[in-house]
Protein backbone atom coordinates (compact mmCIF):
# COMPACT_ATOMS: atom_id res chain seq x y z
CA UNK A 1 -65.01 -13.67 -1.09
CA UNK A 2 -63.02 -10.59 -1.28
CA UNK A 3 -62.83 -10.46 2.78
CA UNK A 4 -61.15 -14.39 2.35
CA UNK A 5 -58.60 -13.38 -0.14
CA UNK A 6 -57.67 -10.31 1.89
CA UNK A 7 -57.52 -12.49 5.28
CA UNK A 8 -55.30 -15.17 3.43
CA UNK A 9 -53.01 -12.48 2.07
CA UNK A 10 -52.79 -11.21 5.41
CA UNK A 11 -52.17 -14.70 6.68
CA UNK A 12 -49.45 -15.29 4.54
CA UNK A 13 -47.54 -11.90 4.88
CA UNK A 14 -47.66 -12.49 9.04
CA UNK A 15 -46.62 -15.90 8.67
CA UNK A 16 -43.53 -15.10 6.25
CA UNK A 17 -42.29 -12.67 8.62
CA UNK A 18 -41.86 -15.03 11.46
CA UNK A 19 -38.80 -16.99 9.66
CA UNK A 20 -36.71 -13.51 9.70
CA UNK A 21 -33.31 -14.05 11.55
CA UNK A 22 -32.56 -11.12 13.69
CA UNK A 23 -30.06 -8.72 11.83
CA UNK A 24 -26.62 -9.66 11.71
CA UNK A 25 -24.59 -7.31 14.38
CA UNK A 26 -21.41 -8.72 14.05
CA UNK A 27 -18.90 -5.68 13.52
CA UNK A 28 -21.02 -3.25 14.53
CA UNK A 29 -18.66 -2.49 17.70
CA UNK A 30 -19.09 -2.75 21.61
CA UNK A 31 -22.11 -2.55 23.37
CA UNK A 32 -21.55 1.23 24.90
CA UNK A 33 -24.42 0.73 27.25
CA UNK A 34 -22.91 -2.32 29.03
CA UNK A 35 -21.52 -1.70 32.23
CA UNK A 36 -19.63 -5.13 32.15
CA UNK A 37 -18.14 -4.40 28.80
CA UNK A 38 -17.04 -0.93 29.40
CA UNK A 39 -15.49 -1.96 33.05
CA UNK A 40 -13.56 -5.13 30.96
CA UNK A 41 -11.88 -2.90 28.51
CA UNK A 42 -10.79 0.00 30.93
CA UNK A 43 -9.43 -2.88 33.15
CA UNK A 44 -7.60 -4.29 30.18
CA UNK A 45 -9.20 -7.64 29.95
CA UNK A 46 -10.43 -7.24 26.71
CA UNK A 47 -9.90 -4.95 23.73
CA UNK A 48 -11.69 -4.26 20.79
CA UNK A 49 -8.83 -3.95 18.55
CA UNK A 50 -4.93 -4.62 18.96
CA UNK A 51 -3.97 -0.96 18.20
CA UNK A 52 -0.84 -1.85 19.92
CA UNK A 53 1.13 -4.95 21.00
CA UNK A 54 0.96 -4.11 24.43
CA UNK A 55 0.04 -7.05 27.20
CA UNK A 56 0.46 -10.76 27.71
CA UNK A 57 0.58 -13.37 25.07
CA UNK A 58 0.44 -16.79 26.69
CA UNK A 59 -0.30 -20.58 26.45
CA UNK A 60 0.28 -24.13 28.64
CA UNK A 61 0.78 -27.18 26.45
CA UNK A 62 2.40 -31.04 27.43
CA UNK A 63 5.68 -29.46 27.11
CA UNK A 64 5.37 -26.35 29.53
CA UNK A 65 4.43 -23.07 28.73
CA UNK A 66 5.10 -20.49 26.16
CA UNK A 67 4.74 -16.68 27.27
CA UNK A 68 5.46 -13.16 26.16
CA UNK A 69 4.84 -9.62 28.08
CA UNK A 70 5.35 -6.50 25.75
CA UNK A 71 5.29 -2.79 27.72
CA UNK A 72 5.27 0.80 26.15
CA UNK A 73 9.19 1.84 25.66
CA UNK A 74 8.44 5.32 23.91
CA UNK A 75 6.63 6.68 21.22
CA UNK A 76 5.75 4.10 18.97
CA UNK A 77 8.02 1.44 20.21
CA UNK A 78 7.34 -1.26 22.76
CA UNK A 79 9.80 -3.91 24.32
CA UNK A 80 9.29 -7.32 24.82
CA UNK A 81 10.39 -10.89 26.65
CA UNK A 82 9.60 -14.06 25.26
CA UNK A 83 9.92 -17.76 26.46
CA UNK A 84 9.26 -20.94 24.84
CA UNK A 85 9.21 -24.29 26.64
CA UNK A 86 10.11 -27.44 24.69
CA UNK A 87 10.33 -29.73 27.81
CA UNK A 88 11.62 -29.90 31.07
CA UNK A 89 14.99 -29.30 30.13
CA UNK A 90 15.22 -27.28 26.88
CA UNK A 91 13.50 -23.61 26.58
CA UNK A 92 14.25 -20.39 24.73
CA UNK A 93 14.11 -17.00 26.09
CA UNK A 94 14.75 -13.64 24.50
CA UNK A 95 13.89 -10.10 24.99
CA UNK A 96 14.11 -7.22 22.45
CA UNK A 97 12.29 -4.10 20.83
CA UNK A 98 8.89 -3.53 18.61
CA UNK A 99 8.03 -1.14 15.94
CA UNK A 100 4.90 -1.10 14.01
CA UNK A 101 5.36 -2.10 10.75
CA UNK A 102 2.30 -2.07 8.07
CA UNK A 103 -0.66 -4.63 9.64
CA UNK A 104 2.19 -5.80 12.07
CA UNK A 105 5.16 -5.29 14.65
CA UNK A 106 8.48 -5.75 13.56
CA UNK A 107 10.49 -7.40 16.79
CA UNK A 108 14.15 -7.05 16.97
CA UNK A 109 15.97 -9.32 19.05
CA UNK A 110 18.45 -8.11 21.58
CA UNK A 111 21.34 -10.37 21.36
CA UNK A 112 21.25 -11.30 17.88
CA UNK A 113 22.35 -8.62 15.57
CA UNK A 114 19.93 -8.90 12.30
CA UNK A 115 17.71 -11.31 14.16
CA UNK A 116 14.55 -9.89 13.25
CA UNK A 117 10.93 -11.07 12.52
CA UNK A 118 7.75 -9.61 11.32
CA UNK A 119 4.68 -10.53 13.79
CA UNK A 120 0.90 -10.06 13.30
CA UNK A 121 -1.82 -10.24 15.99
CA UNK A 122 -4.59 -12.54 13.86
CA UNK A 123 -7.84 -13.11 15.95
CA UNK A 124 -6.31 -12.54 19.53
CA UNK A 125 -3.23 -14.58 18.77
CA UNK A 126 0.69 -13.81 18.16
CA UNK A 127 1.86 -15.44 15.41
CA UNK A 128 5.68 -15.58 14.50
CA UNK A 129 6.82 -16.48 11.14
CA UNK A 130 7.67 -19.95 10.47
CA UNK A 131 10.93 -19.41 9.55
CA UNK A 132 13.58 -16.95 11.14
CA UNK A 133 16.57 -15.37 9.85
CA UNK A 134 20.26 -17.43 10.42
CA UNK A 135 20.95 -14.89 12.62
CA UNK A 136 18.46 -15.93 15.04
CA UNK A 137 19.83 -19.05 15.53
CA UNK A 138 21.91 -17.93 18.67
CA UNK A 139 19.23 -17.05 20.53
CA UNK A 140 17.87 -20.35 21.71
CA UNK A 141 19.94 -23.50 22.62
CA UNK A 142 20.22 -26.76 20.79
CA UNK A 143 17.61 -27.46 18.31
CA UNK A 144 15.18 -25.33 19.75
CA UNK A 145 13.49 -22.22 18.00
CA UNK A 146 10.98 -19.59 18.23
CA UNK A 147 9.79 -20.06 14.58
CA UNK A 148 6.10 -20.60 14.04
CA UNK A 149 5.60 -19.84 17.82
CA UNK A 150 1.86 -18.89 18.32
CA UNK A 151 0.63 -17.26 21.59
CA UNK A 152 -2.87 -16.32 22.21
CA UNK A 153 -3.26 -13.09 23.84
CA UNK A 154 -4.16 -13.12 27.56
CA UNK A 155 -4.62 -9.57 28.22
CA UNK A 156 -4.15 -5.90 26.90
CA UNK A 157 -2.67 -4.69 30.09
CA UNK A 158 0.34 -3.08 30.78
CA UNK A 159 0.36 -3.78 34.38
CA UNK A 160 -0.25 -7.51 33.81
CA UNK A 161 2.93 -7.55 31.21
CA UNK A 162 5.13 -6.14 33.86
CA UNK A 163 4.09 -8.66 36.38
CA UNK A 164 4.28 -11.65 34.20
CA UNK A 165 6.76 -14.07 35.25
CA UNK A 166 9.31 -15.70 33.02
CA UNK A 167 11.96 -18.30 34.21
CA UNK A 168 15.27 -17.41 33.33
CA UNK A 169 17.96 -19.89 32.44
CA UNK A 170 19.19 -20.55 36.03
CA UNK A 171 15.54 -21.68 36.64
CA UNK A 172 14.92 -18.23 38.92
CA UNK A 173 11.43 -16.55 38.21
CA UNK A 174 11.82 -13.03 37.16
CA UNK A 175 9.28 -10.19 35.45
CA UNK A 176 11.48 -9.08 32.48
CA UNK A 177 8.95 -6.47 31.67
CA UNK A 178 8.54 -4.98 35.25
CA UNK A 179 11.66 -3.18 34.97
C-alpha cells in the first residue's frame, strides 16, 4: 500500500511538472552567441536601445512617403532632415539640429526661429508632439504640418542616413544628411 501511495504521489508530481511554461526571457538582452544577431547589430540593422537618434525613420502611405535622416553633428548633437507627404502636390520638408533632453531629443528647426519640438522614440517609432509652437507654421506650406508625425525606425546606421534620398521643393532627389 505504501508503494502505491508513493508511486501515486510521484506520478502527480511528474504530471504537474509537464504544465510548466518556459521561463520568460524577454528583457534579458540579446543573444550574444547568435552570429546573425551580432552581424545585424554591427551593420546597424537592429539596435538594442536608442541611445542616439542616428539612422533612418521612414514610412509609406496612400498620400506618399514620410522620411527622416539623422546623422552625428558633434558631441551630443545631431542634424536631421525630414519630409512628410500630404498628397502628390503638397509636402513639408525641414531640417535642423537635435540634442538629448531627458528621455527624448529636442529638435530645433533651421528656418524657423523658436520652432522646437521634444520628440521621443517609443517602440522604434519616432513621435513628434501633436501640436507644435506657432513659430513652426512657416516650415510647411498651406495647412500642412509636422504635428503628430510618427516615423518607424528603418535603420540605426549613419551610412543609411547619409544615403537617404528626399525630394526637394523643386522635385529633385537630394541626400540632405549626406553632406
